[in-house]
N, C-alpha and C. Protein backbone atom coordinates (compact mmCIF):
# COMPACT_ATOMS: atom_id res chain seq x y z
N UNK A 1 -68.83 75.24 47.53
CA UNK A 1 -68.33 76.41 46.61
C UNK A 1 -67.61 75.44 45.63
N UNK A 2 -67.93 75.88 44.25
CA UNK A 2 -67.48 75.11 43.17
C UNK A 2 -66.13 75.62 42.66
N UNK A 3 -65.38 74.81 42.50
CA UNK A 3 -63.81 75.17 42.48
C UNK A 3 -63.58 75.18 40.93
N UNK A 4 -64.27 74.25 40.13
CA UNK A 4 -64.08 74.55 38.69
C UNK A 4 -64.66 75.53 38.04
N UNK A 5 -64.28 76.24 37.32
CA UNK A 5 -64.43 77.14 36.62
C UNK A 5 -65.44 76.93 35.29
N UNK A 6 -66.65 77.61 35.18
CA UNK A 6 -67.84 77.33 34.26
C UNK A 6 -67.22 77.20 32.80
N UNK A 7 -66.19 77.99 32.47
CA UNK A 7 -65.77 78.09 31.25
C UNK A 7 -64.83 76.55 30.81
N UNK A 8 -64.42 75.76 31.80
CA UNK A 8 -63.73 74.52 31.96
C UNK A 8 -64.74 73.82 31.68
N UNK A 9 -65.74 73.82 32.68
CA UNK A 9 -66.64 72.79 32.68
C UNK A 9 -67.27 72.72 31.29
N UNK A 10 -67.55 73.88 30.49
CA UNK A 10 -68.72 74.02 29.16
C UNK A 10 -67.10 73.49 28.07
N UNK A 11 -66.17 73.40 27.92
CA UNK A 11 -65.09 73.05 27.48
C UNK A 11 -65.27 71.47 27.48
N UNK A 12 -65.05 71.21 28.61
CA UNK A 12 -65.29 69.44 28.72
C UNK A 12 -66.68 69.07 28.20
N UNK A 13 -67.62 69.46 28.54
CA UNK A 13 -68.87 69.12 28.34
C UNK A 13 -68.98 69.08 26.67
N UNK A 14 -68.68 70.13 26.06
CA UNK A 14 -68.24 70.17 24.73
C UNK A 14 -67.40 69.13 23.77
N UNK A 15 -66.42 68.89 24.42
CA UNK A 15 -65.32 67.75 24.18
C UNK A 15 -66.06 66.59 24.10
N UNK A 16 -66.52 66.13 25.26
CA UNK A 16 -67.26 64.96 25.37
C UNK A 16 -68.32 64.82 24.62
N UNK A 17 -69.16 65.90 24.29
CA UNK A 17 -70.20 65.68 23.38
C UNK A 17 -69.85 65.56 22.18
N UNK A 18 -68.81 66.27 21.50
CA UNK A 18 -68.36 66.03 20.28
C UNK A 18 -67.97 64.52 20.30
N UNK A 19 -67.20 63.77 20.73
CA UNK A 19 -66.78 62.74 21.17
C UNK A 19 -67.81 61.68 21.02
N UNK A 20 -68.98 61.94 21.79
CA UNK A 20 -70.13 61.11 21.47
C UNK A 20 -70.53 60.95 20.25
N UNK A 21 -70.94 62.16 19.72
CA UNK A 21 -71.69 62.34 18.25
C UNK A 21 -70.83 61.53 17.17
N UNK A 22 -69.53 61.80 17.40
CA UNK A 22 -68.68 61.15 16.37
C UNK A 22 -68.66 59.97 16.63
N UNK A 23 -68.53 59.32 17.51
CA UNK A 23 -68.88 57.63 17.99
C UNK A 23 -70.03 57.32 17.46
N UNK A 24 -71.20 58.15 17.62
CA UNK A 24 -72.54 57.59 17.07
C UNK A 24 -72.33 57.60 15.69
N UNK A 25 -71.80 58.54 14.69
CA UNK A 25 -71.52 58.69 13.74
C UNK A 25 -71.01 57.57 13.24
N UNK A 26 -69.94 57.30 13.59
CA UNK A 26 -68.93 55.94 13.24
C UNK A 26 -69.57 54.73 13.16
N UNK A 27 -70.54 54.54 14.12
CA UNK A 27 -71.44 53.59 14.50
C UNK A 27 -72.16 53.20 13.49
N UNK A 28 -72.86 54.58 13.14
CA UNK A 28 -73.85 54.65 12.11
C UNK A 28 -73.30 53.93 10.75
N UNK A 29 -72.16 54.40 10.10
CA UNK A 29 -71.14 54.07 9.08
C UNK A 29 -70.90 52.72 9.21
N UNK A 30 -70.73 52.32 10.29
CA UNK A 30 -70.33 50.68 10.33
C UNK A 30 -71.57 49.81 10.35
N UNK A 31 -72.71 50.23 10.64
CA UNK A 31 -74.06 49.56 10.29
C UNK A 31 -74.67 50.01 8.80
N UNK A 32 -74.12 50.62 8.43
CA UNK A 32 -74.40 50.80 6.82
C UNK A 32 -73.73 49.70 6.20
N UNK A 33 -72.44 49.46 6.84
CA UNK A 33 -71.51 48.11 5.87
C UNK A 33 -71.90 46.74 6.34
N UNK A 34 -72.65 46.81 7.32
CA UNK A 34 -73.11 45.30 7.74
C UNK A 34 -74.27 45.06 6.75
N UNK A 35 -74.86 45.92 6.25
CA UNK A 35 -76.09 45.61 5.34
C UNK A 35 -75.35 44.52 3.97
N UNK A 36 -74.27 44.97 3.73
CA UNK A 36 -73.65 43.99 2.42
C UNK A 36 -73.27 43.02 2.87
N UNK A 37 -72.69 43.15 3.99
CA UNK A 37 -71.98 41.74 4.62
C UNK A 37 -73.42 40.72 4.77
N UNK A 38 -74.08 41.29 5.33
CA UNK A 38 -75.78 40.45 5.56
C UNK A 38 -76.10 39.69 4.12
N UNK A 39 -75.91 40.64 3.01
CA UNK A 39 -76.17 40.14 1.82
C UNK A 39 -75.27 39.10 0.95
N UNK A 40 -74.33 38.96 1.66
CA UNK A 40 -73.29 38.14 1.15
C UNK A 40 -73.29 36.59 1.93
N UNK A 41 -73.98 36.97 2.92
CA UNK A 41 -74.44 35.49 3.72
C UNK A 41 -75.72 34.71 3.11
N UNK A 42 -76.10 35.63 2.05
CA UNK A 42 -77.21 34.36 1.20
C UNK A 42 -76.55 33.43 0.61
N UNK A 43 -77.21 32.12 0.76
CA UNK A 43 -76.89 31.14 0.09
C UNK A 43 -77.38 30.95 -1.56
N UNK A 44 -76.54 30.60 -2.20
CA UNK A 44 -77.16 30.19 -3.78
C UNK A 44 -78.37 29.53 -3.76
N UNK A 45 -79.45 29.55 -4.46
CA UNK A 45 -80.55 28.72 -4.69
C UNK A 45 -80.07 27.22 -4.97
N UNK A 46 -80.72 26.40 -4.11
CA UNK A 46 -80.51 24.95 -4.10
C UNK A 46 -79.35 24.46 -3.25
N UNK A 47 -78.89 25.52 -2.42
CA UNK A 47 -77.92 25.08 -1.54
C UNK A 47 -78.36 24.80 -0.29
N UNK A 48 -77.40 23.91 0.72
CA UNK A 48 -78.35 23.55 1.91
C UNK A 48 -77.75 24.76 2.73
N UNK A 49 -78.60 25.39 3.66
CA UNK A 49 -78.18 26.45 4.40
C UNK A 49 -77.21 26.28 5.31
N UNK A 50 -76.08 27.01 5.50
CA UNK A 50 -74.95 26.57 6.38
C UNK A 50 -74.48 27.59 7.38
N UNK A 51 -75.54 28.71 7.49
CA UNK A 51 -75.14 29.73 8.72
C UNK A 51 -75.98 29.33 9.96
N UNK A 52 -75.46 29.92 11.36
CA UNK A 52 -76.18 29.49 12.13
C UNK A 52 -77.50 30.39 12.46
N UNK A 53 -77.60 31.52 11.76
CA UNK A 53 -78.44 32.20 11.77
C UNK A 53 -79.38 32.58 10.27
N UNK A 54 -80.61 32.77 10.25
CA UNK A 54 -80.87 33.05 8.83
C UNK A 54 -80.55 34.45 8.63
N UNK A 55 -80.86 34.70 7.06
CA UNK A 55 -80.45 35.82 6.43
C UNK A 55 -81.45 37.00 7.03
N UNK A 56 -82.97 36.60 6.97
CA UNK A 56 -84.11 37.23 7.53
C UNK A 56 -83.84 37.81 9.19
N UNK A 57 -83.26 36.78 10.01
CA UNK A 57 -83.13 37.33 11.14
C UNK A 57 -81.83 38.13 11.39
N UNK A 58 -81.08 37.89 10.50
CA UNK A 58 -79.70 39.01 10.60
C UNK A 58 -80.14 40.42 10.17
N UNK A 59 -81.01 40.47 8.86
CA UNK A 59 -81.38 41.67 8.52
C UNK A 59 -82.32 42.40 9.44
N UNK A 60 -83.49 41.26 10.31
CA UNK A 60 -84.07 41.85 11.37
C UNK A 60 -83.30 42.53 12.52
N UNK A 61 -82.21 41.94 12.90
CA UNK A 61 -81.47 42.39 13.92
C UNK A 61 -80.66 43.78 13.68
N UNK A 62 -80.37 43.65 12.54
CA UNK A 62 -79.90 44.90 11.77
C UNK A 62 -80.21 46.17 11.79
N UNK A 63 -81.82 45.97 11.67
CA UNK A 63 -82.68 47.03 11.46
C UNK A 63 -83.11 47.37 12.72
N UNK A 64 -83.22 46.39 13.70
CA UNK A 64 -83.08 47.18 15.21
C UNK A 64 -82.40 47.67 15.76
N UNK A 65 -81.01 47.43 15.31
CA UNK A 65 -79.72 48.14 15.86
C UNK A 65 -80.15 49.61 15.30
N UNK A 66 -80.36 49.53 14.08
CA UNK A 66 -80.40 50.92 13.23
C UNK A 66 -81.43 51.76 13.87
N UNK A 67 -82.81 51.45 14.03
CA UNK A 67 -83.69 51.84 14.95
C UNK A 67 -82.96 52.70 16.07
N UNK A 68 -82.30 51.44 17.03
CA UNK A 68 -82.22 51.85 18.22
C UNK A 68 -81.27 53.23 18.43
N UNK A 69 -80.10 52.92 17.27
CA UNK A 69 -79.20 54.14 16.89
C UNK A 69 -79.87 55.54 16.77
N UNK A 70 -80.68 55.25 16.05
CA UNK A 70 -81.57 56.76 15.60
C UNK A 70 -82.32 57.16 16.66
N UNK A 71 -82.99 56.63 17.40
CA UNK A 71 -83.45 56.95 18.97
C UNK A 71 -82.41 57.69 19.66
N UNK A 72 -81.38 56.81 20.01
CA UNK A 72 -80.11 57.36 20.62
C UNK A 72 -79.91 58.65 20.08
N UNK A 73 -79.65 58.99 18.71
CA UNK A 73 -79.36 60.25 18.12
C UNK A 73 -80.19 61.17 18.50
N UNK A 74 -81.58 61.12 18.33
CA UNK A 74 -82.53 61.88 18.62
C UNK A 74 -82.38 62.20 20.10
N UNK A 75 -82.27 61.39 21.19
CA UNK A 75 -82.15 61.85 22.55
C UNK A 75 -80.79 62.53 22.92
N UNK A 76 -79.75 62.21 22.40
CA UNK A 76 -78.72 63.36 22.00
C UNK A 76 -78.94 64.48 21.54
N UNK A 77 -79.38 64.87 20.66
CA UNK A 77 -79.99 66.13 20.06
C UNK A 77 -80.52 66.77 21.30
N UNK A 78 -81.88 66.14 21.54
CA UNK A 78 -82.71 66.65 22.58
C UNK A 78 -81.90 67.15 23.66
N UNK A 79 -80.99 66.48 24.24
CA UNK A 79 -80.40 66.84 25.56
C UNK A 79 -78.87 67.88 25.19
N UNK A 80 -78.75 68.06 23.98
CA UNK A 80 -77.52 68.78 23.55
C UNK A 80 -76.73 69.84 24.33
N UNK A 81 -77.80 70.81 24.46
CA UNK A 81 -77.46 72.03 25.51
C UNK A 81 -77.13 71.46 26.94
N UNK A 82 -77.88 70.53 27.53
CA UNK A 82 -77.75 69.92 28.83
C UNK A 82 -75.99 69.37 28.87
N UNK A 83 -76.04 68.36 27.78
CA UNK A 83 -74.71 67.67 27.89
C UNK A 83 -73.27 68.74 27.56
N UNK A 84 -73.49 69.63 26.79
CA UNK A 84 -72.75 70.53 26.67
C UNK A 84 -72.33 71.55 28.05
N UNK A 85 -73.26 71.85 28.62
CA UNK A 85 -73.21 72.85 29.60
C UNK A 85 -72.97 72.07 31.16
N UNK A 86 -73.09 70.71 31.34
CA UNK A 86 -72.83 70.06 32.33
C UNK A 86 -71.22 69.24 32.23
N UNK A 87 -70.50 69.21 33.11
CA UNK A 87 -69.51 68.18 33.18
C UNK A 87 -70.41 66.80 33.13
N UNK A 88 -69.77 65.64 32.50
CA UNK A 88 -70.54 64.37 32.81
C UNK A 88 -69.36 63.44 32.29
N UNK A 89 -69.76 62.26 32.98
CA UNK A 89 -69.25 60.97 32.69
C UNK A 89 -69.78 59.63 32.30
N UNK A 90 -69.33 58.95 31.73
CA UNK A 90 -69.77 57.53 31.78
C UNK A 90 -69.49 56.68 32.84
N UNK A 91 -70.41 55.98 33.64
CA UNK A 91 -70.15 55.14 34.64
C UNK A 91 -70.11 53.53 34.20
C-alpha cells in the first residue's frame, strides 16, 4: 500500500523538475560567459604561447559541453511528464 498521497508526489516531482530546469538554465548562462573568457586567452600576435591549452582546444571543449547540455535539455523536456508525476532522487 502506498502511504504517500499522489498530490504530494506530484508536488515533489514538480519542485524537483523545476529545480533541475533552473540549474540547467543557469549552467547554460555560465557556458555563454565562458566564450568571452576563452577569447581573452588569445595571445597577441608574435607572443610566445603561455597557456597550458590552446585556444582552439578550449573552444572545442566548450562546444562539446554546450552540445551535451543541449542534448540533456532535450531529454529532460522529453521526460518532463514522467519527472513531474513520479517522486525521484539523484543518487
